[in-house]
Amino acid sequence: MPGTLDMLVLKILMRGHLHGYAIAQLIQQLSDDLLRAEEGSLYPALQRLELNGWIEGEWGLSANNRRAVDRMMGFA
């Protein structure tokens, strides 16, 4: 069903700012392992939500100076 992952992500972000990995883990945990948000669907959903102004993301540098997500997403 279109938009379901977006709604799940928004619901989870009501808990606070999270990295994409933490969002995926919470989806799996809260659904008792019935749902899994794979990278190929989660990160495009996060980008879509950010482009539409629903959430904001912050980027930073990882320990080895590669561009990485510092604090992933929160409400805009």
C-alpha atoms as a PDB file:
ATOM      1  CA  MET A   1       0.000   0.000   0.000  1.00  0.00           C
ATOM      2  CA  PRO A   2       1.598   3.317  -1.080  1.00  0.00           C
ATOM      3  CA  GLY A   3       2.519   5.630   1.788  1.00  0.00           C
ATOM      4  CA  THR A   4       2.549   2.948   4.481  1.00  0.00           C
ATOM      5  CA  LEU A   5       6.305   3.096   5.070  1.00  0.00           C
ATOM      6  CA  ASP A   6       6.173   6.893   5.160  1.00  0.00           C
ATOM      7  CA  MET A   7       3.499   6.750   7.867  1.00  0.00           C
ATOM      8  CA  LEU A   8       5.494   4.201   9.875  1.00  0.00           C
ATOM      9  CA  VAL A   9       8.597   6.380   9.677  1.00  0.00           C
ATOM     10  CA  LEU A  10       6.688   9.493  10.788  1.00  0.00           C
ATOM     11  CA  LYS A  11       5.132   7.591  13.688  1.00  0.00           C
ATOM     12  CA  ILE A  12       8.537   6.327  14.826  1.00  0.00           C
ATOM     13  CA  LEU A  13      10.100   9.780  14.551  1.00  0.00           C
ATOM     14  CA  MET A  14       7.528  11.027  17.051  1.00  0.00           C
ATOM     15  CA  ARG A  15       9.882   9.390  19.584  1.00  0.00           C
ATOM     16  CA  GLY A  16      12.697  11.777  18.614  1.00  0.00           C
ATOM     17  CA  HIS A  17      15.631  12.100  16.252  1.00  0.00           C
ATOM     18  CA  LEU A  18      16.923   8.763  14.941  1.00  0.00           C
ATOM     19  CA  HIS A  19      19.379   7.349  12.441  1.00  0.00           C
ATOM     20  CA  GLY A  20      17.965   5.394   9.516  1.00  0.00           C
ATOM     21  CA  TYR A  21      19.284   2.144  11.005  1.00  0.00           C
ATOM     22  CA  ALA A  22      17.493   2.832  14.302  1.00  0.00           C
ATOM     23  CA  ILE A  23      14.274   3.545  12.411  1.00  0.00           C
ATOM     24  CA  ALA A  24      14.553   0.207  10.600  1.00  0.00           C
ATOM     25  CA  GLN A  25      15.248  -1.617  13.865  1.00  0.00           C
ATOM     26  CA  LEU A  26      12.239  -0.052  15.597  1.00  0.00           C
ATOM     27  CA  ILE A  27       9.925  -0.953  12.719  1.00  0.00           C
ATOM     28  CA  GLN A  28      11.061  -4.549  13.010  1.00  0.00           C
ATOM     29  CA  GLN A  29      10.926  -4.602  16.816  1.00  0.00           C
ATOM     30  CA  LEU A  30       7.531  -2.920  17.172  1.00  0.00           C
ATOM     31  CA  SER A  31       5.995  -5.247  14.591  1.00  0.00           C
ATOM     32  CA  ASP A  32       7.327  -8.335  16.395  1.00  0.00           C
ATOM     33  CA  ASP A  33       9.551  -9.071  13.368  1.00  0.00           C
ATOM     34  CA  LEU A  34       6.619  -9.056  10.935  1.00  0.00           C
ATOM     35  CA  LEU A  35       7.843  -5.964   9.068  1.00  0.00           C
ATOM     36  CA  ARG A  36      11.306  -5.087   7.829  1.00  0.00           C
ATOM     37  CA  ALA A  37      12.343  -1.803   6.276  1.00  0.00           C
ATOM     38  CA  GLU A  38      15.207  -2.613   3.929  1.00  0.00           C
ATOM     39  CA  GLU A  39      17.703   0.054   2.820  1.00  0.00           C
ATOM     40  CA  GLY A  40      16.291   0.046  -0.704  1.00  0.00           C
ATOM     41  CA  SER A  41      12.922   1.260   0.556  1.00  0.00           C
ATOM     42  CA  LEU A  42      13.740   3.075   3.801  1.00  0.00           C
ATOM     43  CA  TYR A  43      16.282   5.586   2.519  1.00  0.00           C
ATOM     44  CA  PRO A  44      14.207   6.605  -0.516  1.00  0.00           C
ATOM     45  CA  ALA A  45      11.239   7.060   1.867  1.00  0.00           C
ATOM     46  CA  LEU A  46      13.360   9.253   4.147  1.00  0.00           C
ATOM     47  CA  GLN A  47      14.515  11.301   1.162  1.00  0.00           C
ATOM     48  CA  ARG A  48      10.933  11.650  -0.089  1.00  0.00           C
ATOM     49  CA  LEU A  49       9.731  12.813   3.333  1.00  0.00           C
ATOM     50  CA  GLU A  50      12.586  15.302   3.549  1.00  0.00           C
ATOM     51  CA  LEU A  51      11.980  16.659   0.038  1.00  0.00           C
ATOM     52  CA  ASN A  52       8.295  17.137   0.897  1.00  0.00           C
ATOM     53  CA  GLY A  53       9.205  19.076   4.043  1.00  0.00           C
ATOM     54  CA  TRP A  54       7.888  16.549   6.577  1.00  0.00           C
ATOM     55  CA  ILE A  55      11.256  15.810   8.189  1.00  0.00           C
ATOM     56  CA  GLU A  56      14.759  17.270   8.332  1.00  0.00           C
ATOM     57  CA  GLY A  57      18.043  15.421   8.267  1.00  0.00           C
ATOM     58  CA  GLU A  58      21.517  16.402   9.383  1.00  0.00           C
ATOM     59  CA  TRP A  59      24.692  15.130   7.786  1.00  0.00           C
ATOM     60  CA  GLY A  60      28.088  14.921   9.420  1.00  0.00           C
ATOM     61  CA  LEU A  61      31.403  13.108   9.100  1.00  0.00           C
ATOM     62  CA  SER A  62      31.962   9.573  10.294  1.00  0.00           C
ATOM     63  CA  ALA A  63      34.995   8.503  12.315  1.00  0.00           C
ATOM     64  CA  ASN A  64      36.960   7.910   9.101  1.00  0.00           C
ATOM     65  CA  ASN A  65      35.967  11.309   7.623  1.00  0.00           C
ATOM     66  CA  ARG A  66      33.393   9.933   5.215  1.00  0.00           C
ATOM     67  CA  ARG A  67      30.074  11.669   4.802  1.00  0.00           C
ATOM     68  CA  ALA A  68      27.627   9.938   7.100  1.00  0.00           C
ATOM     69  CA  VAL A  69      24.436  10.611   8.891  1.00  0.00           C
ATOM     70  CA  ASP A  70      25.097  12.249  12.220  1.00  0.00           C
ATOM     71  CA  ARG A  71      21.534  12.589  13.469  1.00  0.00           C
ATOM     72  CA  MET A  72      19.253  11.195  10.860  1.00  0.00           C
ATOM     73  CA  MET A  73      15.802  12.640  10.945  1.00  0.00           C
ATOM     74  CA  GLY A  74      13.345  14.622  12.977  1.00  0.00           C
ATOM     75  CA  PHE A  75      10.212  16.603  12.271  1.00  0.00           C
ATOM     76  CA  ALA A  76      10.633  19.741  10.197  1.00  0.00           C
END
